[in-house]
Amino acid sequence: MTVLGVTIGEAQKHASEPTEACLSDWRRDCDAVVLELPGGDRLSARLRELGILPGTLIRVLRTGAHLVVQTGDARLALRREDCSAVRVGAVPAVA
């Protein structure tokens, strides 16, 4: 199933994928859903402007000093320290 340009399903999940973690700890090529953003600061406002909102589906494309994430058709490079403030969870399996 494809939602917002991201393919979701069992094939995209890894056996060691956590159920909830910081975005900075999420594995490469894994889908996630945004659970929580940092409270009322500039970072939170900027992430919201970029389309990173609670409930948004994202995929981590690259890890390292910066993470490259995809949401819909957009690809964003985010600093690892900023990603550590974003809580994400595993995408529920589609039956």
N, C-alpha and C. Protein backbone atom coordinates (compact mmCIF):
# COMPACT_ATOMS: atom_id res chain seq x y z
N MET A 1 0.85 -1.18 0.00
CA MET A 1 0.00 0.00 0.00
C MET A 1 0.89 1.24 0.00
N THR A 2 0.54 2.22 -0.79
CA THR A 2 1.31 3.45 -0.85
C THR A 2 0.48 4.60 -0.31
N VAL A 3 1.04 5.31 0.67
CA VAL A 3 0.39 6.46 1.28
C VAL A 3 1.39 7.60 1.26
N LEU A 4 0.99 8.72 0.69
CA LEU A 4 1.85 9.90 0.61
C LEU A 4 3.19 9.59 -0.05
N GLY A 5 3.17 8.70 -1.04
CA GLY A 5 4.39 8.37 -1.75
C GLY A 5 5.31 7.41 -1.04
N VAL A 6 4.88 6.86 0.10
CA VAL A 6 5.70 5.92 0.86
C VAL A 6 4.99 4.58 0.88
N THR A 7 5.71 3.52 0.50
CA THR A 7 5.14 2.18 0.53
C THR A 7 5.18 1.65 1.95
N ILE A 8 4.03 1.16 2.42
CA ILE A 8 3.92 0.69 3.79
C ILE A 8 3.56 -0.79 3.77
N GLY A 9 4.06 -1.53 4.71
CA GLY A 9 3.66 -2.93 4.82
C GLY A 9 4.74 -3.76 5.48
N GLU A 10 4.50 -5.04 5.56
CA GLU A 10 5.41 -5.95 6.23
C GLU A 10 6.79 -5.97 5.57
N ALA A 11 6.85 -5.81 4.27
CA ALA A 11 8.13 -5.87 3.58
C ALA A 11 9.06 -4.74 4.01
N GLN A 12 8.51 -3.66 4.55
CA GLN A 12 9.33 -2.51 4.94
C GLN A 12 9.79 -2.57 6.39
N LYS A 13 9.32 -3.56 7.14
CA LYS A 13 9.66 -3.64 8.55
C LYS A 13 10.85 -4.56 8.75
N HIS A 14 11.69 -4.22 9.69
CA HIS A 14 12.83 -5.05 10.06
C HIS A 14 12.50 -5.71 11.38
N ALA A 15 13.03 -6.91 11.61
CA ALA A 15 12.73 -7.66 12.83
C ALA A 15 13.16 -6.90 14.07
N SER A 16 14.24 -6.11 13.97
CA SER A 16 14.74 -5.41 15.14
C SER A 16 14.21 -3.98 15.24
N GLU A 17 13.24 -3.63 14.41
CA GLU A 17 12.69 -2.28 14.43
C GLU A 17 11.97 -2.03 15.75
N PRO A 18 12.31 -0.95 16.45
CA PRO A 18 11.63 -0.66 17.72
C PRO A 18 10.20 -0.20 17.47
N THR A 19 9.37 -0.26 18.52
CA THR A 19 8.00 0.20 18.37
C THR A 19 7.90 1.71 18.56
N GLU A 20 8.83 2.29 19.31
CA GLU A 20 8.86 3.74 19.54
C GLU A 20 10.28 4.16 19.87
N ALA A 21 10.72 5.28 19.32
CA ALA A 21 12.08 5.77 19.57
C ALA A 21 12.20 7.21 19.08
N CYS A 22 13.36 7.81 19.31
CA CYS A 22 13.67 9.12 18.74
C CYS A 22 13.95 8.92 17.26
N LEU A 23 13.60 9.89 16.46
CA LEU A 23 13.85 9.81 15.02
C LEU A 23 15.34 9.60 14.75
N SER A 24 16.20 10.18 15.56
CA SER A 24 17.65 10.04 15.35
C SER A 24 18.12 8.59 15.52
N ASP A 25 17.35 7.77 16.23
CA ASP A 25 17.71 6.36 16.46
C ASP A 25 17.03 5.41 15.49
N TRP A 26 16.17 5.92 14.63
CA TRP A 26 15.41 5.07 13.71
C TRP A 26 16.32 4.53 12.62
N ARG A 27 16.06 3.32 12.20
CA ARG A 27 16.89 2.66 11.19
C ARG A 27 16.63 3.18 9.78
N ARG A 28 17.65 3.08 8.97
CA ARG A 28 17.56 3.47 7.57
C ARG A 28 16.58 2.55 6.83
N ASP A 29 15.85 3.10 5.89
CA ASP A 29 14.87 2.39 5.06
C ASP A 29 13.69 1.85 5.84
N CYS A 30 13.42 2.42 7.01
CA CYS A 30 12.26 2.01 7.81
C CYS A 30 11.22 3.12 7.81
N ASP A 31 9.97 2.72 7.71
CA ASP A 31 8.86 3.66 7.79
C ASP A 31 8.55 3.96 9.25
N ALA A 32 8.04 5.14 9.50
CA ALA A 32 7.66 5.53 10.86
C ALA A 32 6.50 6.51 10.79
N VAL A 33 5.83 6.64 11.90
CA VAL A 33 4.79 7.66 12.03
C VAL A 33 5.23 8.59 13.16
N VAL A 34 5.12 9.89 12.93
CA VAL A 34 5.52 10.88 13.94
C VAL A 34 4.52 10.83 15.09
N LEU A 35 5.02 10.66 16.30
CA LEU A 35 4.17 10.60 17.48
C LEU A 35 4.14 11.92 18.25
N GLU A 36 5.31 12.55 18.35
CA GLU A 36 5.40 13.75 19.19
C GLU A 36 6.53 14.65 18.71
N LEU A 37 6.28 15.95 18.74
CA LEU A 37 7.29 16.95 18.43
C LEU A 37 7.66 17.68 19.71
N PRO A 38 8.85 18.31 19.74
CA PRO A 38 9.21 19.07 20.93
C PRO A 38 8.21 20.20 21.15
N GLY A 39 7.97 20.55 22.39
CA GLY A 39 6.98 21.58 22.72
C GLY A 39 7.38 22.97 22.30
N GLY A 40 6.42 23.79 21.97
CA GLY A 40 6.43 25.18 21.60
C GLY A 40 7.71 25.93 21.39
N ASP A 41 8.69 25.41 20.68
CA ASP A 41 9.89 26.17 20.40
C ASP A 41 10.04 26.39 18.89
N ARG A 42 11.13 27.03 18.49
CA ARG A 42 11.35 27.33 17.07
C ARG A 42 11.51 26.06 16.24
N LEU A 43 12.16 25.04 16.82
CA LEU A 43 12.35 23.79 16.11
C LEU A 43 11.01 23.15 15.78
N SER A 44 10.13 23.09 16.74
CA SER A 44 8.81 22.51 16.53
C SER A 44 8.05 23.26 15.44
N ALA A 45 8.10 24.58 15.48
CA ALA A 45 7.42 25.39 14.47
C ALA A 45 8.00 25.14 13.08
N ARG A 46 9.32 25.04 12.99
CA ARG A 46 9.96 24.82 11.69
C ARG A 46 9.63 23.43 11.13
N LEU A 47 9.64 22.42 11.99
CA LEU A 47 9.29 21.07 11.54
C LEU A 47 7.85 21.02 11.04
N ARG A 48 6.97 21.72 11.72
CA ARG A 48 5.57 21.76 11.29
C ARG A 48 5.45 22.46 9.93
N GLU A 49 6.21 23.52 9.73
CA GLU A 49 6.20 24.22 8.44
C GLU A 49 6.69 23.31 7.32
N LEU A 50 7.61 22.40 7.63
CA LEU A 50 8.15 21.48 6.64
C LEU A 50 7.26 20.26 6.41
N GLY A 51 6.18 20.15 7.21
CA GLY A 51 5.25 19.04 7.02
C GLY A 51 5.45 17.88 7.96
N ILE A 52 6.34 18.02 8.93
CA ILE A 52 6.56 16.97 9.93
C ILE A 52 5.61 17.27 11.10
N LEU A 53 4.49 16.55 11.12
CA LEU A 53 3.44 16.75 12.12
C LEU A 53 3.13 15.42 12.78
N PRO A 54 2.57 15.44 14.00
CA PRO A 54 2.12 14.18 14.60
C PRO A 54 1.14 13.48 13.66
N GLY A 55 1.36 12.19 13.46
CA GLY A 55 0.53 11.41 12.56
C GLY A 55 1.07 11.30 11.14
N THR A 56 2.10 12.07 10.82
CA THR A 56 2.69 12.05 9.49
C THR A 56 3.53 10.79 9.29
N LEU A 57 3.39 10.16 8.13
CA LEU A 57 4.22 9.02 7.77
C LEU A 57 5.52 9.51 7.18
N ILE A 58 6.63 8.95 7.64
CA ILE A 58 7.94 9.32 7.11
C ILE A 58 8.77 8.06 6.90
N ARG A 59 9.81 8.19 6.11
CA ARG A 59 10.77 7.11 5.91
C ARG A 59 12.16 7.70 6.05
N VAL A 60 13.01 7.02 6.80
CA VAL A 60 14.41 7.44 6.94
C VAL A 60 15.17 6.88 5.75
N LEU A 61 15.73 7.78 4.94
CA LEU A 61 16.46 7.36 3.74
C LEU A 61 17.95 7.25 3.99
N ARG A 62 18.49 8.13 4.84
CA ARG A 62 19.92 8.12 5.17
C ARG A 62 20.13 8.48 6.62
N THR A 63 21.17 7.91 7.20
CA THR A 63 21.55 8.26 8.56
C THR A 63 22.99 8.75 8.55
N GLY A 64 23.41 9.35 9.63
CA GLY A 64 24.75 9.90 9.75
C GLY A 64 24.67 11.17 10.58
N ALA A 65 25.53 12.13 10.29
CA ALA A 65 25.48 13.41 11.01
C ALA A 65 24.17 14.11 10.74
N HIS A 66 23.63 13.91 9.54
CA HIS A 66 22.32 14.43 9.16
C HIS A 66 21.47 13.25 8.72
N LEU A 67 20.18 13.32 8.97
CA LEU A 67 19.26 12.30 8.49
C LEU A 67 18.52 12.86 7.29
N VAL A 68 18.32 12.03 6.30
CA VAL A 68 17.48 12.40 5.17
C VAL A 68 16.20 11.60 5.33
N VAL A 69 15.08 12.32 5.42
CA VAL A 69 13.79 11.67 5.59
C VAL A 69 12.88 12.08 4.44
N GLN A 70 11.94 11.19 4.14
CA GLN A 70 10.97 11.48 3.09
C GLN A 70 9.59 11.50 3.72
N THR A 71 8.83 12.52 3.39
CA THR A 71 7.43 12.59 3.76
C THR A 71 6.68 13.02 2.51
N GLY A 72 5.82 12.16 2.04
CA GLY A 72 5.15 12.44 0.77
C GLY A 72 6.18 12.50 -0.34
N ASP A 73 6.15 13.56 -1.14
CA ASP A 73 7.12 13.73 -2.22
C ASP A 73 8.34 14.53 -1.78
N ALA A 74 8.35 15.01 -0.56
CA ALA A 74 9.45 15.86 -0.08
C ALA A 74 10.53 15.04 0.62
N ARG A 75 11.77 15.41 0.36
CA ARG A 75 12.90 14.83 1.06
C ARG A 75 13.58 15.95 1.83
N LEU A 76 13.81 15.70 3.11
CA LEU A 76 14.37 16.73 3.98
C LEU A 76 15.64 16.22 4.64
N ALA A 77 16.65 17.08 4.74
CA ALA A 77 17.86 16.78 5.50
C ALA A 77 17.73 17.49 6.84
N LEU A 78 17.81 16.72 7.91
CA LEU A 78 17.64 17.26 9.27
C LEU A 78 18.86 16.92 10.11
N ARG A 79 19.26 17.86 10.98
CA ARG A 79 20.38 17.61 11.88
C ARG A 79 20.01 16.50 12.86
N ARG A 80 20.96 15.63 13.17
CA ARG A 80 20.72 14.53 14.09
C ARG A 80 20.25 15.05 15.44
N GLU A 81 20.81 16.15 15.92
CA GLU A 81 20.41 16.68 17.22
C GLU A 81 18.95 17.15 17.21
N ASP A 82 18.48 17.66 16.08
CA ASP A 82 17.07 18.05 15.97
C ASP A 82 16.18 16.81 15.93
N CYS A 83 16.64 15.78 15.25
CA CYS A 83 15.87 14.54 15.15
C CYS A 83 15.72 13.84 16.49
N SER A 84 16.65 14.08 17.40
CA SER A 84 16.57 13.42 18.71
C SER A 84 15.39 13.93 19.53
N ALA A 85 14.82 15.07 19.17
CA ALA A 85 13.67 15.62 19.88
C ALA A 85 12.34 15.13 19.33
N VAL A 86 12.37 14.43 18.18
CA VAL A 86 11.14 13.96 17.53
C VAL A 86 10.93 12.49 17.87
N ARG A 87 9.76 12.16 18.46
CA ARG A 87 9.42 10.77 18.78
C ARG A 87 8.64 10.16 17.63
N VAL A 88 9.06 8.97 17.22
CA VAL A 88 8.37 8.26 16.14
C VAL A 88 8.04 6.84 16.59
N GLY A 89 7.10 6.24 15.90
CA GLY A 89 6.72 4.87 16.19
C GLY A 89 6.60 4.06 14.91
N ALA A 90 6.53 2.76 15.09
CA ALA A 90 6.40 1.86 13.93
C ALA A 90 5.04 2.05 13.29
N VAL A 91 5.01 1.89 11.99
CA VAL A 91 3.75 1.98 11.25
C VAL A 91 3.00 0.67 11.46
N PRO A 92 1.74 0.74 11.85
CA PRO A 92 0.98 -0.50 12.04
C PRO A 92 0.90 -1.29 10.74
N ALA A 93 0.96 -2.61 10.87
CA ALA A 93 0.90 -3.48 9.70
C ALA A 93 -0.46 -3.35 9.02
N VAL A 94 -0.45 -3.37 7.70
CA VAL A 94 -1.66 -3.27 6.92
C VAL A 94 -2.12 -4.68 6.59
N ALA A 95 -3.38 -4.99 6.91
CA ALA A 95 -3.88 -6.35 6.66
C ALA A 95 -4.31 -6.54 5.24
